């Protein structure tokens, strides 16, 4: 916008690359009368409804701007210029820069996508999912693997279950120097550390309960990928449930997060109470279960029943976590009264970035205080 060479811009005559960048910006952010329009206000812009014209514009912005800016401009174009309809054409999908928000748009289109576009759309979604999985999988497995290992340790093990390496490290403070009677130093094992025997080890159960209302698109994408990563860990039993006013269990599709995402239907109302009722019915070992509700808490169901269910789960020993968002999009809009009510029950509700999520889950597995970010 600063580039603008007209009277309401810099007043300077632009040429070459600067003029091309200005045209790309003007096509999206200036109305037909050439006047500037503030971000977020209704506008008529100069991209028109022609797929070839829009495809050329997408190529231009990828040439002139960094990827993060391209993704932002694409998101603006989709939201403000009605380009969702054009995304149903394969050549358009091949021209865009894939990102989480584009995936959210594609899964919101869902069954409206024509057959000719579905495979291209799946390829776009798979590229984003693969990139996300590569980014989060190693750290998630490392952090949670360590937490599961620590939670499975036994402090009064049988002799054959003693972990001698950890036992020695834990008792180094009890080291005795050599004396005339002892030619070697000794460690007195006041505390024995062992591991639960494999056949007796109890899996932790994780239930991801995801709000699929339209505002939660980015959270749905990240949650699906995390669900697949958690499901790949043998020490966890993971269930993934999505909901609006109905509830769908997508656990069987967790081996492929792309299948999960195409099983989601973004939009519609929200009935958290019904979703939690379903999750509650699937809990068999409360003390070994973690329920993660990912929702902005705008409840359309029965509020008091929802809160009673959370209280009942916590009273039975369930670790209950409420995430207002699981994304990098910054502070989300959410129902503050419901968040306060959950906090009063000992279930603080907070937004969580994908980078923080493994630490949150590790704390829950070990039943430690959650690393709630400062607000």
Protein backbone atom coordinates (compact mmCIF):
# COMPACT_ATOMS: atom_id res chain seq x y z
CA UNK A 1 0.00 0.00 0.00
CA UNK A 2 2.93 2.33 0.65
CA UNK A 3 4.08 1.77 -2.92
CA UNK A 4 1.01 3.51 -4.37
CA UNK A 5 2.10 6.10 -6.91
CA UNK A 6 -1.23 7.88 -7.05
CA UNK A 7 -2.09 11.00 -5.07
CA UNK A 8 -3.14 8.94 -2.06
CA UNK A 9 0.10 6.94 -2.14
CA UNK A 10 3.71 8.11 -2.17
CA UNK A 11 3.10 10.49 -5.05
CA UNK A 12 6.13 9.02 -6.80
CA UNK A 13 6.01 7.52 -10.28
CA UNK A 14 6.70 3.80 -10.11
CA UNK A 15 8.25 1.61 -12.77
CA UNK A 16 9.56 -1.88 -13.32
CA UNK A 17 9.33 -4.28 -10.36
CA UNK A 18 7.91 -1.62 -8.00
CA UNK A 19 5.08 -0.89 -10.42
CA UNK A 20 4.33 -4.61 -10.77
CA UNK A 21 4.22 -5.05 -6.98
CA UNK A 22 1.91 -2.05 -6.71
CA UNK A 23 -0.45 -3.53 -9.32
CA UNK A 24 -0.56 -6.83 -7.43
CA UNK A 25 -1.41 -5.04 -4.19
CA UNK A 26 -3.92 -2.73 -5.85
CA UNK A 27 -5.78 -5.66 -7.41
CA UNK A 28 -6.54 -6.94 -3.92
CA UNK A 29 -6.57 -3.91 -1.64
CA UNK A 30 -7.99 -1.06 -3.74
CA UNK A 31 -11.56 -0.54 -4.81
CA UNK A 32 -12.55 0.15 -8.39
CA UNK A 33 -12.41 3.88 -7.70
CA UNK A 34 -8.70 3.63 -6.91
CA UNK A 35 -9.13 4.67 -3.27
CA UNK A 36 -7.43 2.84 -0.43
CA UNK A 37 -9.50 0.50 1.69
CA UNK A 38 -8.59 -0.40 5.26
CA UNK A 39 -7.86 -4.07 5.95
CA UNK A 40 -10.99 -5.80 7.19
CA UNK A 41 -13.55 -3.52 5.53
CA UNK A 42 -15.78 -4.52 2.59
CA UNK A 43 -14.17 -3.81 -0.74
CA UNK A 44 -14.50 -4.27 -4.47
CA UNK A 45 -11.19 -5.15 -6.01
CA UNK A 46 -9.70 -5.55 -9.41
CA UNK A 47 -9.12 -9.30 -9.71
CA UNK A 48 -12.39 -9.97 -11.46
CA UNK A 49 -13.92 -13.42 -11.65
CA UNK A 50 -11.67 -14.88 -14.34
CA UNK A 51 -9.67 -17.94 -13.29
CA UNK A 52 -6.79 -17.21 -15.71
CA UNK A 53 -6.57 -13.63 -14.44
CA UNK A 54 -6.52 -14.78 -10.81
CA UNK A 55 -3.96 -17.50 -11.64
CA UNK A 56 -1.67 -14.86 -13.17
CA UNK A 57 -2.10 -12.70 -10.06
CA UNK A 58 -1.20 -15.66 -7.82
CA UNK A 59 1.93 -16.18 -9.90
CA UNK A 60 2.82 -12.49 -9.59
CA UNK A 61 2.55 -12.34 -5.81
CA UNK A 62 4.68 -15.50 -5.47
CA UNK A 63 7.34 -13.79 -7.56
CA UNK A 64 7.33 -10.44 -5.74
CA UNK A 65 6.64 -11.32 -2.07
CA UNK A 66 7.97 -13.80 0.53
CA UNK A 67 5.94 -16.92 1.31
CA UNK A 68 4.47 -15.57 4.57
CA UNK A 69 3.13 -12.49 2.75
CA UNK A 70 1.83 -14.61 -0.14
CA UNK A 71 -0.12 -16.79 2.29
CA UNK A 72 -1.64 -13.72 3.96
CA UNK A 73 -2.65 -12.18 0.63
CA UNK A 74 -4.18 -15.49 -0.51
CA UNK A 75 -6.18 -15.67 2.70
CA UNK A 76 -7.44 -12.11 2.18
CA UNK A 77 -8.35 -12.87 -1.43
CA UNK A 78 -10.29 -15.99 -0.45
CA UNK A 79 -12.17 -14.22 2.35
CA UNK A 80 -12.90 -10.91 0.62
CA UNK A 81 -13.13 -11.59 -3.09
CA UNK A 82 -15.08 -14.80 -3.17
CA UNK A 83 -12.23 -16.88 -4.54
CA UNK A 84 -13.39 -20.03 -2.76
CA UNK A 85 -15.52 -20.81 -5.80
CA UNK A 86 -12.48 -20.53 -8.07
CA UNK A 87 -10.56 -22.97 -5.86
CA UNK A 88 -12.84 -25.66 -7.25
CA UNK A 89 -10.82 -25.52 -10.47
CA UNK A 90 -7.66 -27.71 -10.56
CA UNK A 91 -5.53 -25.10 -12.34
CA UNK A 92 -6.30 -22.61 -9.57
CA UNK A 93 -5.29 -25.04 -6.84
CA UNK A 94 -2.03 -25.74 -8.61
CA UNK A 95 -1.24 -22.00 -8.61
CA UNK A 96 -1.74 -21.27 -4.90
CA UNK A 97 0.85 -21.45 -2.10
CA UNK A 98 -0.36 -24.25 0.24
CA UNK A 99 -0.78 -23.32 3.90
CA UNK A 100 -2.96 -24.12 6.92
CA UNK A 101 -5.59 -21.51 6.04
CA UNK A 102 -5.92 -22.78 2.48
CA UNK A 103 -6.45 -26.28 3.88
CA UNK A 104 -9.16 -24.86 6.14
CA UNK A 105 -10.87 -23.36 3.09
CA UNK A 106 -10.67 -26.61 1.15
CA UNK A 107 -12.12 -28.75 3.93
CA UNK A 108 -14.88 -26.16 4.46
CA UNK A 109 -15.80 -26.60 0.79
CA UNK A 110 -15.91 -30.33 1.46
CA UNK A 111 -18.43 -32.16 -0.68
CA UNK A 112 -18.94 -29.06 -2.83
CA UNK A 113 -15.59 -29.78 -4.51
CA UNK A 114 -16.22 -31.27 -7.95
CA UNK A 115 -14.77 -34.70 -8.70
CA UNK A 116 -12.23 -33.19 -11.12
CA UNK A 117 -10.75 -31.10 -8.28
CA UNK A 118 -10.75 -33.60 -5.43
CA UNK A 119 -7.43 -35.26 -6.20
CA UNK A 120 -5.70 -31.91 -6.66
CA UNK A 121 -7.24 -30.70 -3.39
CA UNK A 122 -6.01 -33.84 -1.58
CA UNK A 123 -2.52 -33.26 -2.98
CA UNK A 124 -2.53 -29.67 -1.67
CA UNK A 125 -3.78 -30.82 1.75
CA UNK A 126 -1.25 -33.65 1.88
CA UNK A 127 1.64 -31.26 1.19
CA UNK A 128 0.64 -29.05 4.13
CA UNK A 129 0.01 -32.03 6.41
CA UNK A 130 3.37 -33.60 5.51
CA UNK A 131 5.18 -30.35 6.26
CA UNK A 132 3.38 -30.00 9.59
CA UNK A 133 4.04 -33.61 10.54
CA UNK A 134 7.73 -33.24 9.72
CA UNK A 135 7.87 -30.16 11.94
CA UNK A 136 6.09 -31.56 14.98
CA UNK A 137 6.50 -35.33 14.98
CA UNK A 138 10.09 -35.73 16.23
CA UNK A 139 9.74 -33.31 19.12
CA UNK A 140 6.30 -34.62 20.11
CA UNK A 141 7.50 -38.22 20.25
CA UNK A 142 10.65 -37.21 22.14
CA UNK A 143 8.88 -35.06 24.75
CA UNK A 144 5.96 -37.43 25.28
CA UNK A 145 8.16 -40.51 25.18
CA UNK A 146 10.22 -39.11 28.05
CA UNK A 147 7.09 -38.19 29.99
CA UNK A 148 5.58 -41.65 29.50
CA UNK A 149 8.86 -43.25 30.57
CA UNK A 150 9.00 -41.18 33.75
CA UNK A 151 5.34 -41.82 34.57
CA UNK A 152 5.93 -45.58 34.24
CA UNK A 153 8.85 -45.70 36.68
CA UNK A 154 8.41 -47.72 39.84
CA UNK A 155 10.06 -46.69 43.13
CA UNK A 156 9.70 -50.09 44.81
CA UNK A 157 10.60 -52.46 41.99
CA UNK A 158 11.22 -56.16 42.12
CA UNK A 159 14.91 -57.04 41.80
CA UNK A 160 14.60 -58.07 38.14
CA UNK A 161 12.80 -54.79 37.29
CA UNK A 162 15.45 -52.46 38.77
CA UNK A 163 16.90 -49.92 36.35
CA UNK A 164 20.46 -49.85 37.69
CA UNK A 165 21.65 -46.90 35.60
CA UNK A 166 18.89 -44.63 36.92
CA UNK A 167 19.22 -46.03 40.42
CA UNK A 168 22.94 -45.21 40.56
CA UNK A 169 22.35 -41.68 39.22
CA UNK A 170 19.57 -41.07 41.76
CA UNK A 171 21.82 -42.17 44.64
CA UNK A 172 25.12 -40.48 43.77
CA UNK A 173 24.62 -38.17 46.75
CA UNK A 174 25.08 -41.29 48.90
CA UNK A 175 28.54 -42.01 47.52
CA UNK A 176 31.05 -43.27 50.12
CA UNK A 177 34.73 -42.54 49.60
CA UNK A 178 37.23 -45.46 49.75
CA UNK A 179 38.69 -46.16 53.20
CA UNK A 180 41.33 -48.49 54.56
CA UNK A 181 38.73 -51.24 54.79
CA UNK A 182 37.22 -50.50 51.33
CA UNK A 183 39.50 -50.19 48.36
CA UNK A 184 36.65 -48.94 46.16
CA UNK A 185 34.08 -46.21 46.61
CA UNK A 186 30.48 -47.27 47.10
CA UNK A 187 27.01 -45.91 46.33
CA UNK A 188 24.37 -46.70 48.92
CA UNK A 189 21.08 -47.31 46.99
CA UNK A 190 18.61 -45.76 49.43
CA UNK A 191 16.13 -45.31 46.56
CA UNK A 192 15.56 -48.02 43.97
CA UNK A 193 14.16 -47.04 40.57
CA UNK A 194 12.63 -49.53 38.20
CA UNK A 195 10.20 -49.75 35.31
CA UNK A 196 6.80 -51.35 35.24
CA UNK A 197 6.98 -54.75 33.61
CA UNK A 198 5.90 -54.61 30.00
CA UNK A 199 2.95 -56.93 30.42
CA UNK A 200 1.66 -54.83 33.31
CA UNK A 201 2.30 -51.41 31.75
CA UNK A 202 -0.94 -49.47 31.31
CA UNK A 203 -1.38 -47.30 28.25
CA UNK A 204 -2.41 -43.71 28.73
CA UNK A 205 -5.63 -42.91 26.89
CA UNK A 206 -5.93 -39.59 25.05
CA UNK A 207 -9.22 -38.26 23.68
CA UNK A 208 -8.98 -35.25 21.38
CA UNK A 209 -12.41 -33.59 21.20
CA UNK A 210 -12.34 -31.00 18.41
CA UNK A 211 -14.84 -28.25 17.67
CA UNK A 212 -15.32 -28.13 13.89
CA UNK A 213 -17.14 -24.79 13.73
CA UNK A 214 -15.84 -22.53 10.97
CA UNK A 215 -13.72 -20.35 13.26
CA UNK A 216 -11.69 -23.37 14.37
CA UNK A 217 -10.29 -24.30 10.93
CA UNK A 218 -6.58 -23.88 11.74
CA UNK A 219 -7.02 -25.73 15.05
CA UNK A 220 -8.74 -28.62 13.25
CA UNK A 221 -5.78 -28.95 10.86
CA UNK A 222 -3.16 -28.97 13.63
CA UNK A 223 -5.25 -31.26 15.86
CA UNK A 224 -5.63 -33.83 13.08
CA UNK A 225 -1.88 -33.96 12.54
CA UNK A 226 -1.15 -34.20 16.26
CA UNK A 227 -3.80 -36.92 16.54
CA UNK A 228 -2.00 -38.98 13.90
CA UNK A 229 1.35 -38.50 15.66
CA UNK A 230 -0.08 -39.50 19.05
CA UNK A 231 -1.81 -42.51 17.49
CA UNK A 232 1.56 -43.71 16.19
CA UNK A 233 2.95 -43.95 19.76
CA UNK A 234 2.51 -47.45 21.18
CA UNK A 235 2.35 -46.20 24.78
CA UNK A 236 -0.75 -44.13 24.00
CA UNK A 237 -4.24 -45.08 22.97
CA UNK A 238 -5.62 -42.10 21.02
CA UNK A 239 -9.20 -41.30 20.06
CA UNK A 240 -10.18 -38.35 17.85
CA UNK A 241 -13.71 -36.93 17.99
CA UNK A 242 -15.00 -33.95 16.00
CA UNK A 243 -18.27 -32.18 16.63
CA UNK A 244 -20.65 -29.37 15.74
CA UNK A 245 -24.26 -30.11 16.73
CA UNK A 246 -23.51 -33.78 15.99
CA UNK A 247 -20.56 -35.95 16.98
CA UNK A 248 -18.33 -38.00 14.67
CA UNK A 249 -15.62 -40.40 15.85
CA UNK A 250 -12.74 -40.37 13.33
CA UNK A 251 -10.39 -42.62 15.30
CA UNK A 252 -10.35 -45.29 12.59
CA UNK A 253 -8.94 -42.75 10.12
CA UNK A 254 -6.09 -41.56 12.35
CA UNK A 255 -3.49 -43.44 10.35
CA UNK A 256 -3.88 -40.74 7.68
CA UNK A 257 -4.60 -37.17 8.83
CA UNK A 258 -5.63 -36.25 5.29
CA UNK A 259 -8.52 -38.72 5.57
CA UNK A 260 -9.37 -37.15 8.92
CA UNK A 261 -9.49 -33.67 7.43
CA UNK A 262 -11.71 -34.73 4.57
CA UNK A 263 -13.98 -36.36 7.15
CA UNK A 264 -14.45 -33.00 8.86
CA UNK A 265 -17.31 -30.66 7.94
CA UNK A 266 -16.39 -27.14 9.01
CA UNK A 267 -19.25 -24.82 9.91
CA UNK A 268 -22.57 -25.28 11.62
CA UNK A 269 -23.49 -24.95 15.28
CA UNK A 270 -21.75 -26.13 18.43
CA UNK A 271 -22.91 -28.62 21.06
CA UNK A 272 -19.99 -29.16 23.43
CA UNK A 273 -22.19 -30.92 25.97
CA UNK A 274 -23.16 -33.63 23.47
CA UNK A 275 -19.55 -34.09 22.41
CA UNK A 276 -18.35 -34.44 26.01
CA UNK A 277 -21.15 -36.90 26.72
CA UNK A 278 -19.83 -39.10 23.92
CA UNK A 279 -16.24 -38.80 25.15
CA UNK A 280 -17.32 -39.56 28.71
CA UNK A 281 -19.05 -42.74 27.51
CA UNK A 282 -15.75 -43.97 26.01
CA UNK A 283 -13.70 -43.57 29.20
CA UNK A 284 -12.92 -46.90 30.87
CA UNK A 285 -9.90 -45.97 33.02
CA UNK A 286 -10.38 -42.39 34.27
CA UNK A 287 -7.08 -42.20 36.17
CA UNK A 288 -5.17 -43.03 32.97
CA UNK A 289 -7.21 -40.80 30.62
CA UNK A 290 -6.52 -37.31 29.26
CA UNK A 291 -9.39 -35.47 27.56
CA UNK A 292 -8.37 -32.48 25.43
CA UNK A 293 -11.26 -30.23 24.43
CA UNK A 294 -10.25 -27.87 21.60
CA UNK A 295 -12.98 -25.24 21.26
CA UNK A 296 -13.66 -21.51 21.48
CA UNK A 297 -16.37 -22.49 24.02
CA UNK A 298 -19.26 -20.76 22.25
CA UNK A 299 -21.68 -23.39 23.48
CA UNK A 300 -25.00 -23.91 21.71
CA UNK A 301 -25.96 -26.86 23.89
CA UNK A 302 -26.82 -27.07 27.58
CA UNK A 303 -24.22 -25.03 29.46
CA UNK A 304 -24.87 -26.39 32.96
CA UNK A 305 -24.79 -29.99 31.73
CA UNK A 306 -21.48 -29.32 29.97
CA UNK A 307 -19.91 -28.01 33.17
CA UNK A 308 -21.34 -30.93 35.20
CA UNK A 309 -19.71 -33.37 32.80
CA UNK A 310 -16.33 -31.68 33.14
CA UNK A 311 -16.67 -31.72 36.94
CA UNK A 312 -17.64 -35.40 36.91
CA UNK A 313 -14.71 -36.35 34.70
CA UNK A 314 -12.24 -34.50 36.88
CA UNK A 315 -13.72 -36.01 40.04
CA UNK A 316 -13.22 -39.49 38.57
CA UNK A 317 -9.53 -38.79 37.96
CA UNK A 318 -9.55 -37.71 34.31
CA UNK A 319 -6.97 -35.10 33.26
CA UNK A 320 -9.08 -32.46 31.48
CA UNK A 321 -7.49 -29.81 29.25
CA UNK A 322 -9.42 -27.03 27.47
CA UNK A 323 -7.61 -25.36 24.57
CA UNK A 324 -9.26 -22.28 23.07
CA UNK A 325 -7.17 -22.77 19.94
CA UNK A 326 -4.34 -24.96 18.70
CA UNK A 327 -2.70 -22.73 16.12
CA UNK A 328 -0.18 -19.97 15.47
CA UNK A 329 -2.88 -17.39 14.75
CA UNK A 330 -2.53 -15.43 17.99
CA UNK A 331 -5.16 -14.75 20.65
CA UNK A 332 -8.51 -16.26 19.61
CA UNK A 333 -12.04 -14.99 20.23
CA UNK A 334 -13.74 -17.19 22.85
CA UNK A 335 -16.56 -17.28 25.40
CA UNK A 336 -14.99 -15.76 28.50
CA UNK A 337 -17.76 -16.77 30.90
CA UNK A 338 -17.41 -20.44 29.96
CA UNK A 339 -13.63 -20.21 30.20
CA UNK A 340 -13.94 -18.74 33.70
CA UNK A 341 -16.40 -21.48 34.70
CA UNK A 342 -13.97 -24.18 33.56
CA UNK A 343 -11.13 -22.50 35.43
CA UNK A 344 -13.26 -22.57 38.58
CA UNK A 345 -13.53 -26.34 38.13
CA UNK A 346 -9.74 -26.64 37.96
CA UNK A 347 -9.62 -26.84 34.15
CA UNK A 348 -8.03 -23.61 32.94
CA UNK A 349 -8.82 -22.78 29.31
CA UNK A 350 -6.02 -21.25 27.25
CA UNK A 351 -4.82 -20.91 23.69
CA UNK A 352 -1.91 -23.14 22.72
CA UNK A 353 0.58 -23.00 19.88
CA UNK A 354 1.65 -26.21 18.11
CA UNK A 355 5.14 -25.77 19.59
CA UNK A 356 3.77 -25.75 23.15
CA UNK A 357 1.34 -28.65 22.74
CA UNK A 358 3.88 -31.46 23.39
CA UNK A 359 4.85 -29.81 26.70
CA UNK A 360 1.18 -29.50 27.69
CA UNK A 361 0.60 -33.18 26.98
CA UNK A 362 3.79 -34.21 28.77
CA UNK A 363 2.69 -32.34 31.89
CA UNK A 364 -0.75 -33.97 31.72
CA UNK A 365 0.78 -37.45 31.37
CA UNK A 366 2.90 -36.87 34.49
CA UNK A 367 0.03 -35.10 36.27
CA UNK A 368 2.11 -31.96 36.71
CA UNK A 369 0.88 -28.34 36.50
CA UNK A 370 0.17 -27.38 32.90
CA UNK A 371 2.52 -24.84 31.27
CA UNK A 372 -0.26 -22.28 30.75
CA UNK A 373 1.08 -19.34 28.67
CA UNK A 374 0.86 -15.88 30.16
CA UNK A 375 -2.03 -13.77 28.85
